Amino acid sequence: MSPMYNPAHPGEVLQEWLEGISVTEAARKLGVTRAALSRILHGHA
């Protein structure tokens, strides 16, 4: 049996993309609430 692949959580990928931008600014540019983006970035969504 081959080993299971454990992909990165989308929040991890977004954190790398948004490096240097505040959560508030990124949420505004993406058109989502700061709370929603924060939950995604911290792996709670």
PDB file of N, CA and C in Angstrom:
ATOM      1  N   MET A   1       0.854  -1.174   0.000  1.00  0.00           N
ATOM      2  CA  MET A   1       0.000   0.000   0.000  1.00  0.00           C
ATOM      3  C   MET A   1       0.902   1.240   0.000  1.00  0.00           C
ATOM      4  N   SER A   2       0.557   2.226  -0.811  1.00  0.00           N
ATOM      5  CA  SER A   2       1.358   3.445  -0.865  1.00  0.00           C
ATOM      6  C   SER A   2       1.007   4.350   0.314  1.00  0.00           C
ATOM      7  N   PRO A   3       1.967   5.179   0.733  1.00  0.00           N
ATOM      8  CA  PRO A   3       1.697   6.077   1.862  1.00  0.00           C
ATOM      9  C   PRO A   3       0.626   7.099   1.492  1.00  0.00           C
ATOM     10  N   MET A   4      -0.123   7.531   2.498  1.00  0.00           N
ATOM     11  CA  MET A   4      -1.192   8.509   2.269  1.00  0.00           C
ATOM     12  C   MET A   4      -0.579   9.891   2.041  1.00  0.00           C
ATOM     13  N   TYR A   5      -1.161  10.630   1.136  1.00  0.00           N
ATOM     14  CA  TYR A   5      -0.743  11.994   0.851  1.00  0.00           C
ATOM     15  C   TYR A   5      -1.552  12.931   1.737  1.00  0.00           C
ATOM     16  N   ASN A   6      -0.879  13.798   2.463  1.00  0.00           N
ATOM     17  CA  ASN A   6      -1.543  14.734   3.364  1.00  0.00           C
ATOM     18  C   ASN A   6      -1.356  16.151   2.816  1.00  0.00           C
ATOM     19  N   PRO A   7      -2.294  16.634   2.001  1.00  0.00           N
ATOM     20  CA  PRO A   7      -2.140  17.959   1.396  1.00  0.00           C
ATOM     21  C   PRO A   7      -2.225  19.070   2.440  1.00  0.00           C
ATOM     22  N   ALA A   8      -1.638  20.203   2.099  1.00  0.00           N
ATOM     23  CA  ALA A   8      -1.668  21.369   2.983  1.00  0.00           C
ATOM     24  C   ALA A   8      -3.093  21.901   3.087  1.00  0.00           C
ATOM     25  N   HIS A   9      -3.425  22.439   4.249  1.00  0.00           N
ATOM     26  CA  HIS A   9      -4.714  23.109   4.432  1.00  0.00           C
ATOM     27  C   HIS A   9      -4.692  24.384   3.584  1.00  0.00           C
ATOM     28  N   PRO A  10      -5.804  24.750   2.962  1.00  0.00           N
ATOM     29  CA  PRO A  10      -5.835  25.967   2.143  1.00  0.00           C
ATOM     30  C   PRO A  10      -5.345  27.210   2.889  1.00  0.00           C
ATOM     31  N   GLY A  11      -5.578  27.251   4.196  1.00  0.00           N
ATOM     32  CA  GLY A  11      -5.116  28.395   4.978  1.00  0.00           C
ATOM     33  C   GLY A  11      -3.607  28.525   4.984  1.00  0.00           C
ATOM     34  N   GLU A  12      -2.898  27.399   4.978  1.00  0.00           N
ATOM     35  CA  GLU A  12      -1.434  27.430   4.934  1.00  0.00           C
ATOM     36  C   GLU A  12      -0.958  28.035   3.619  1.00  0.00           C
ATOM     37  N   VAL A  13      -1.610  27.646   2.537  1.00  0.00           N
ATOM     38  CA  VAL A  13      -1.244  28.167   1.219  1.00  0.00           C
ATOM     39  C   VAL A  13      -1.536  29.666   1.158  1.00  0.00           C
ATOM     40  N   LEU A  14      -2.698  30.070   1.652  1.00  0.00           N
ATOM     41  CA  LEU A  14      -3.061  31.491   1.649  1.00  0.00           C
ATOM     42  C   LEU A  14      -2.105  32.315   2.496  1.00  0.00           C
ATOM     43  N   GLN A  15      -1.676  31.789   3.633  1.00  0.00           N
ATOM     44  CA  GLN A  15      -0.748  32.526   4.487  1.00  0.00           C
ATOM     45  C   GLN A  15       0.528  32.857   3.732  1.00  0.00           C
ATOM     46  N   GLU A  16       1.022  31.914   2.952  1.00  0.00           N
ATOM     47  CA  GLU A  16       2.223  32.167   2.159  1.00  0.00           C
ATOM     48  C   GLU A  16       1.952  33.234   1.103  1.00  0.00           C
ATOM     49  N   TRP A  17       0.806  33.161   0.444  1.00  0.00           N
ATOM     50  CA  TRP A  17       0.442  34.119  -0.594  1.00  0.00           C
ATOM     51  C   TRP A  17       0.275  35.525  -0.031  1.00  0.00           C
ATOM     52  N   LEU A  18      -0.258  35.611   1.186  1.00  0.00           N
ATOM     53  CA  LEU A  18      -0.598  36.907   1.774  1.00  0.00           C
ATOM     54  C   LEU A  18       0.500  37.461   2.674  1.00  0.00           C
ATOM     55  N   GLU A  19       1.669  36.871   2.622  1.00  0.00           N
ATOM     56  CA  GLU A  19       2.768  37.312   3.475  1.00  0.00           C
ATOM     57  C   GLU A  19       3.017  38.810   3.276  1.00  0.00           C
ATOM     58  N   GLY A  20       3.060  39.535   4.368  1.00  0.00           N
ATOM     59  CA  GLY A  20       3.297  40.969   4.317  1.00  0.00           C
ATOM     60  C   GLY A  20       2.032  41.804   4.223  1.00  0.00           C
ATOM     61  N   ILE A  21       0.872  41.164   4.107  1.00  0.00           N
ATOM     62  CA  ILE A  21      -0.409  41.877   4.039  1.00  0.00           C
ATOM     63  C   ILE A  21      -1.204  41.520   5.294  1.00  0.00           C
ATOM     64  N   SER A  22      -1.815  42.511   5.909  1.00  0.00           N
ATOM     65  CA  SER A  22      -2.606  42.229   7.106  1.00  0.00           C
ATOM     66  C   SER A  22      -3.857  41.432   6.742  1.00  0.00           C
ATOM     67  N   VAL A  23      -4.385  40.725   7.717  1.00  0.00           N
ATOM     68  CA  VAL A  23      -5.613  39.953   7.507  1.00  0.00           C
ATOM     69  C   VAL A  23      -6.743  40.903   7.110  1.00  0.00           C
ATOM     70  N   THR A  24      -6.814  42.047   7.745  1.00  0.00           N
ATOM     71  CA  THR A  24      -7.867  43.022   7.447  1.00  0.00           C
ATOM     72  C   THR A  24      -7.787  43.495   5.999  1.00  0.00           C
ATOM     73  N   GLU A  25      -6.588  43.852   5.552  1.00  0.00           N
ATOM     74  CA  GLU A  25      -6.403  44.325   4.178  1.00  0.00           C
ATOM     75  C   GLU A  25      -6.689  43.217   3.166  1.00  0.00           C
ATOM     76  N   ALA A  26      -6.203  42.017   3.437  1.00  0.00           N
ATOM     77  CA  ALA A  26      -6.432  40.887   2.534  1.00  0.00           C
ATOM     78  C   ALA A  26      -7.926  40.577   2.439  1.00  0.00           C
ATOM     79  N   ALA A  27      -8.615  40.594   3.567  1.00  0.00           N
ATOM     80  CA  ALA A  27     -10.055  40.313   3.574  1.00  0.00           C
ATOM     81  C   ALA A  27     -10.805  41.357   2.753  1.00  0.00           C
ATOM     82  N   ARG A  28     -10.425  42.603   2.902  1.00  0.00           N
ATOM     83  CA  ARG A  28     -11.072  43.677   2.136  1.00  0.00           C
ATOM     84  C   ARG A  28     -10.868  43.454   0.638  1.00  0.00           C
ATOM     85  N   LYS A  29      -9.642  43.132   0.241  1.00  0.00           N
ATOM     86  CA  LYS A  29      -9.346  42.925  -1.182  1.00  0.00           C
ATOM     87  C   LYS A  29     -10.040  41.685  -1.742  1.00  0.00           C
ATOM     88  N   LEU A  30     -10.210  40.664  -0.908  1.00  0.00           N
ATOM     89  CA  LEU A  30     -10.857  39.429  -1.347  1.00  0.00           C
ATOM     90  C   LEU A  30     -12.380  39.492  -1.270  1.00  0.00           C
ATOM     91  N   GLY A  31     -12.902  40.511  -0.577  1.00  0.00           N
ATOM     92  CA  GLY A  31     -14.348  40.659  -0.463  1.00  0.00           C
ATOM     93  C   GLY A  31     -14.978  39.721   0.549  1.00  0.00           C
ATOM     94  N   VAL A  32     -14.222  39.380   1.594  1.00  0.00           N
ATOM     95  CA  VAL A  32     -14.744  38.528   2.666  1.00  0.00           C
ATOM     96  C   VAL A  32     -14.545  39.250   3.992  1.00  0.00           C
ATOM     97  N   THR A  33     -15.198  38.761   5.036  1.00  0.00           N
ATOM     98  CA  THR A  33     -15.009  39.388   6.341  1.00  0.00           C
ATOM     99  C   THR A  33     -13.648  39.006   6.913  1.00  0.00           C
ATOM    100  N   ARG A  34     -13.142  39.863   7.775  1.00  0.00           N
ATOM    101  CA  ARG A  34     -11.872  39.593   8.426  1.00  0.00           C
ATOM    102  C   ARG A  34     -11.965  38.318   9.242  1.00  0.00           C
ATOM    103  N   ALA A  35     -13.100  38.126   9.913  1.00  0.00           N
ATOM    104  CA  ALA A  35     -13.286  36.932  10.746  1.00  0.00           C
ATOM    105  C   ALA A  35     -13.253  35.656   9.904  1.00  0.00           C
ATOM    106  N   ALA A  36     -13.910  35.684   8.743  1.00  0.00           N
ATOM    107  CA  ALA A  36     -13.934  34.500   7.873  1.00  0.00           C
ATOM    108  C   ALA A  36     -12.533  34.165   7.379  1.00  0.00           C
ATOM    109  N   LEU A  37     -11.795  35.167   6.936  1.00  0.00           N
ATOM    110  CA  LEU A  37     -10.436  34.926   6.451  1.00  0.00           C
ATOM    111  C   LEU A  37      -9.541  34.435   7.577  1.00  0.00           C
ATOM    112  N   SER A  38      -9.693  35.004   8.753  1.00  0.00           N
ATOM    113  CA  SER A  38      -8.896  34.576   9.900  1.00  0.00           C
ATOM    114  C   SER A  38      -9.151  33.106  10.230  1.00  0.00           C
ATOM    115  N   ARG A  39     -10.416  32.680  10.194  1.00  0.00           N
ATOM    116  CA  ARG A  39     -10.745  31.266  10.458  1.00  0.00           C
ATOM    117  C   ARG A  39     -10.084  30.353   9.437  1.00  0.00           C
ATOM    118  N   ILE A  40     -10.107  30.755   8.178  1.00  0.00           N
ATOM    119  CA  ILE A  40      -9.476  29.948   7.130  1.00  0.00           C
ATOM    120  C   ILE A  40      -7.971  29.872   7.354  1.00  0.00           C
ATOM    121  N   LEU A  41      -7.350  31.014   7.610  1.00  0.00           N
ATOM    122  CA  LEU A  41      -5.896  31.053   7.780  1.00  0.00           C
ATOM    123  C   LEU A  41      -5.426  30.225   8.972  1.00  0.00           C
ATOM    124  N   HIS A  42      -6.278  30.125   9.991  1.00  0.00           N
ATOM    125  CA  HIS A  42      -5.893  29.384  11.195  1.00  0.00           C
ATOM    126  C   HIS A  42      -6.402  27.942  11.201  1.00  0.00           C
ATOM    127  N   GLY A  43      -6.938  27.507  10.060  1.00  0.00           N
ATOM    128  CA  GLY A  43      -7.347  26.110   9.919  1.00  0.00           C
ATOM    129  C   GLY A  43      -8.636  25.741  10.617  1.00  0.00           C
ATOM    130  N   HIS A  44      -9.487  26.737  10.899  1.00  0.00           N
ATOM    131  CA  HIS A  44     -10.750  26.468  11.589  1.00  0.00           C
ATOM    132  C   HIS A  44     -11.938  26.451  10.641  1.00  0.00           C
ATOM    133  N   ALA A  45     -11.669  26.543   9.358  1.00  0.00           N
ATOM    134  CA  ALA A  45     -12.770  26.541   8.375  1.00  0.00           C
ATOM    135  C   ALA A  45     -12.423  25.642   7.211  1.00  0.00           C
TER     136      ALA A  45
END
